[in-house]
Amino acid sequence: MNPFKLWSQTKQDSINELKPDFGIRTWDDLSEEDKHIIWKHLEWFFFDKSKKSERNNRYGSKTFYEFHGQYESDREKLQERIIFSIVALNKKYKAKNYAPNFLEQVSLDNACFDFADIFVLPEGAVTSNS
């Protein structure tokens, strides 16, 4: 047993000094309006709003827009980003279950449903019927 304590064990505020948050808010600290603004920026980046279609899953109907891109490879890169984000959320935040549709059935449509729901649904709302 070591009789000497580490600096972080002797100072109460050491965690804030060692891991500062730089004033950045957590996702839960954002208002619905802030989330909506972020969604509008992402929607503009990912989707071509002039090309839309209605799609259904077992939780209801949603409007889908085609991905931006002159070439298929451009659209595939954007699709991969959506799927990568949803996989990362499911892996890191298992208890919050941000992507219940994608967790039940892995598909681009379900990834898009969940990706949009993260920004559109109010805090604590879950799209699965669990």
Protein backbone atom coordinates (compact mmCIF):
# COMPACT_ATOMS: atom_id res chain seq x y z
CA MET A 1 0.00 0.00 0.00
CA ASN A 2 1.35 3.34 -1.06
CA PRO A 3 1.27 6.02 1.69
CA PHE A 4 1.53 8.82 -0.86
CA LYS A 5 -1.60 10.07 -2.57
CA LEU A 6 -1.80 11.27 -6.14
CA TRP A 7 -2.51 14.94 -6.78
CA SER A 8 -5.89 13.97 -8.25
CA GLN A 9 -6.77 12.16 -5.02
CA THR A 10 -6.06 15.18 -2.84
CA LYS A 11 -7.83 17.86 -4.86
CA GLN A 12 -11.61 17.82 -5.27
CA ASP A 13 -11.73 19.71 -8.58
CA SER A 14 -8.95 17.74 -10.22
CA ILE A 15 -11.27 15.88 -12.61
CA ASN A 16 -12.44 19.21 -14.07
CA GLU A 17 -8.84 20.29 -14.51
CA LEU A 18 -7.69 16.99 -16.00
CA LYS A 19 -10.74 16.58 -18.25
CA PRO A 20 -12.14 20.03 -18.97
CA ASP A 21 -15.43 20.23 -20.85
CA PHE A 22 -14.44 23.53 -22.55
CA GLY A 23 -18.00 24.73 -22.02
CA ILE A 24 -19.39 22.16 -24.44
CA ARG A 25 -22.87 20.97 -23.56
CA THR A 26 -23.89 17.33 -23.56
CA TRP A 27 -26.58 16.12 -25.96
CA ASP A 28 -29.09 15.95 -23.10
CA ASP A 29 -28.42 19.62 -22.29
CA LEU A 30 -29.55 20.75 -25.75
CA SER A 31 -33.06 22.07 -26.17
CA GLU A 32 -35.42 20.64 -28.79
CA GLU A 33 -34.88 23.86 -30.76
CA ASP A 34 -31.08 23.35 -30.72
CA LYS A 35 -31.51 19.75 -31.89
CA HIS A 36 -33.83 20.94 -34.64
CA ILE A 37 -31.21 23.44 -35.86
CA ILE A 38 -28.55 20.72 -35.93
CA TRP A 39 -30.96 18.46 -37.83
CA LYS A 40 -31.60 21.16 -40.44
CA HIS A 41 -27.85 21.48 -41.07
CA LEU A 42 -27.47 17.71 -41.40
CA GLU A 43 -30.57 17.43 -43.57
CA TRP A 44 -29.14 20.02 -45.96
CA PHE A 45 -25.77 18.19 -46.07
CA PHE A 46 -27.11 14.66 -46.56
CA PHE A 47 -30.35 14.90 -48.51
CA ASP A 48 -31.72 16.25 -51.77
CA LYS A 49 -35.11 17.60 -50.72
CA SER A 50 -36.33 17.83 -54.31
CA LYS A 51 -36.40 14.01 -54.49
CA LYS A 52 -38.59 12.46 -51.82
CA SER A 53 -40.64 9.34 -51.21
CA GLU A 54 -42.83 7.89 -48.46
CA ARG A 55 -41.61 4.74 -46.72
CA ASN A 56 -43.15 2.66 -43.99
CA ASN A 57 -41.80 0.54 -41.25
CA ARG A 58 -43.78 -1.10 -38.50
CA TYR A 59 -43.78 2.11 -36.49
CA GLY A 60 -45.35 4.29 -39.16
CA SER A 61 -44.79 6.23 -42.35
CA LYS A 62 -41.99 8.72 -42.87
CA THR A 63 -40.83 10.95 -45.69
CA PHE A 64 -37.47 9.95 -47.13
CA TYR A 65 -35.27 12.12 -49.30
CA GLU A 66 -32.69 10.85 -51.74
CA PHE A 67 -29.06 11.28 -50.72
CA HIS A 68 -27.08 14.07 -52.38
CA GLY A 69 -24.53 13.16 -54.98
CA GLN A 70 -24.07 13.18 -58.69
CA TYR A 71 -22.57 9.70 -58.61
CA GLU A 72 -23.65 6.54 -56.81
CA SER A 73 -20.31 6.45 -54.97
CA ASP A 74 -21.04 9.91 -53.49
CA ARG A 75 -24.45 8.76 -52.26
CA GLU A 76 -22.96 5.55 -50.83
CA LYS A 77 -20.43 7.55 -48.78
CA LEU A 78 -23.24 9.56 -47.19
CA GLN A 79 -25.22 6.37 -46.50
CA GLU A 80 -22.17 4.81 -44.88
CA ARG A 81 -21.83 7.84 -42.59
CA ILE A 82 -25.40 7.39 -41.36
CA ILE A 83 -24.87 3.68 -40.69
CA PHE A 84 -21.49 4.31 -39.03
CA SER A 85 -23.10 6.91 -36.72
CA ILE A 86 -25.95 4.60 -35.73
CA VAL A 87 -23.59 1.66 -35.09
CA ALA A 88 -21.39 3.91 -32.92
CA LEU A 89 -24.40 5.15 -30.94
CA ASN A 90 -25.68 1.62 -30.38
CA LYS A 91 -22.26 0.49 -29.24
CA LYS A 92 -21.49 3.41 -26.93
CA TYR A 93 -24.95 4.11 -25.50
CA LYS A 94 -26.54 0.68 -25.19
CA ALA A 95 -28.75 1.56 -22.23
CA LYS A 96 -30.25 4.64 -23.95
CA ASN A 97 -31.15 2.62 -27.07
CA TYR A 98 -30.97 5.57 -29.47
CA ALA A 99 -31.45 3.32 -32.50
CA PRO A 100 -34.07 0.67 -31.65
CA ASN A 101 -35.19 0.07 -35.24
CA PHE A 102 -31.65 -0.50 -36.49
CA LEU A 103 -30.91 -2.76 -33.53
CA GLU A 104 -33.83 -5.03 -34.43
CA GLN A 105 -33.17 -5.12 -38.17
CA VAL A 106 -30.00 -3.75 -39.73
CA SER A 107 -30.91 -1.76 -42.84
CA LEU A 108 -30.29 1.66 -44.31
CA ASP A 109 -33.97 2.56 -43.95
CA ASN A 110 -33.98 1.73 -40.23
CA ALA A 111 -30.71 3.62 -39.74
CA CYS A 112 -32.31 6.66 -41.38
CA PHE A 113 -35.49 6.33 -39.29
CA ASP A 114 -33.43 6.25 -36.10
CA PHE A 115 -31.00 8.97 -37.24
CA ALA A 116 -33.89 11.38 -37.87
CA ASP A 117 -35.71 10.39 -34.66
CA ILE A 118 -32.70 11.32 -32.54
CA PHE A 119 -33.14 14.91 -33.68
CA VAL A 120 -36.90 15.11 -34.15
CA LEU A 121 -38.39 13.24 -31.19
CA PRO A 122 -38.52 14.88 -27.78
CA GLU A 123 -36.13 13.79 -25.03
CA GLY A 124 -36.86 10.30 -23.76
CA ALA A 125 -39.13 9.29 -26.64
CA VAL A 126 -38.39 5.88 -28.10
CA THR A 127 -39.72 4.67 -31.44
CA SER A 128 -39.81 0.97 -30.63
CA ASN A 129 -42.88 -0.66 -29.11
CA SER A 130 -40.95 -2.15 -26.20
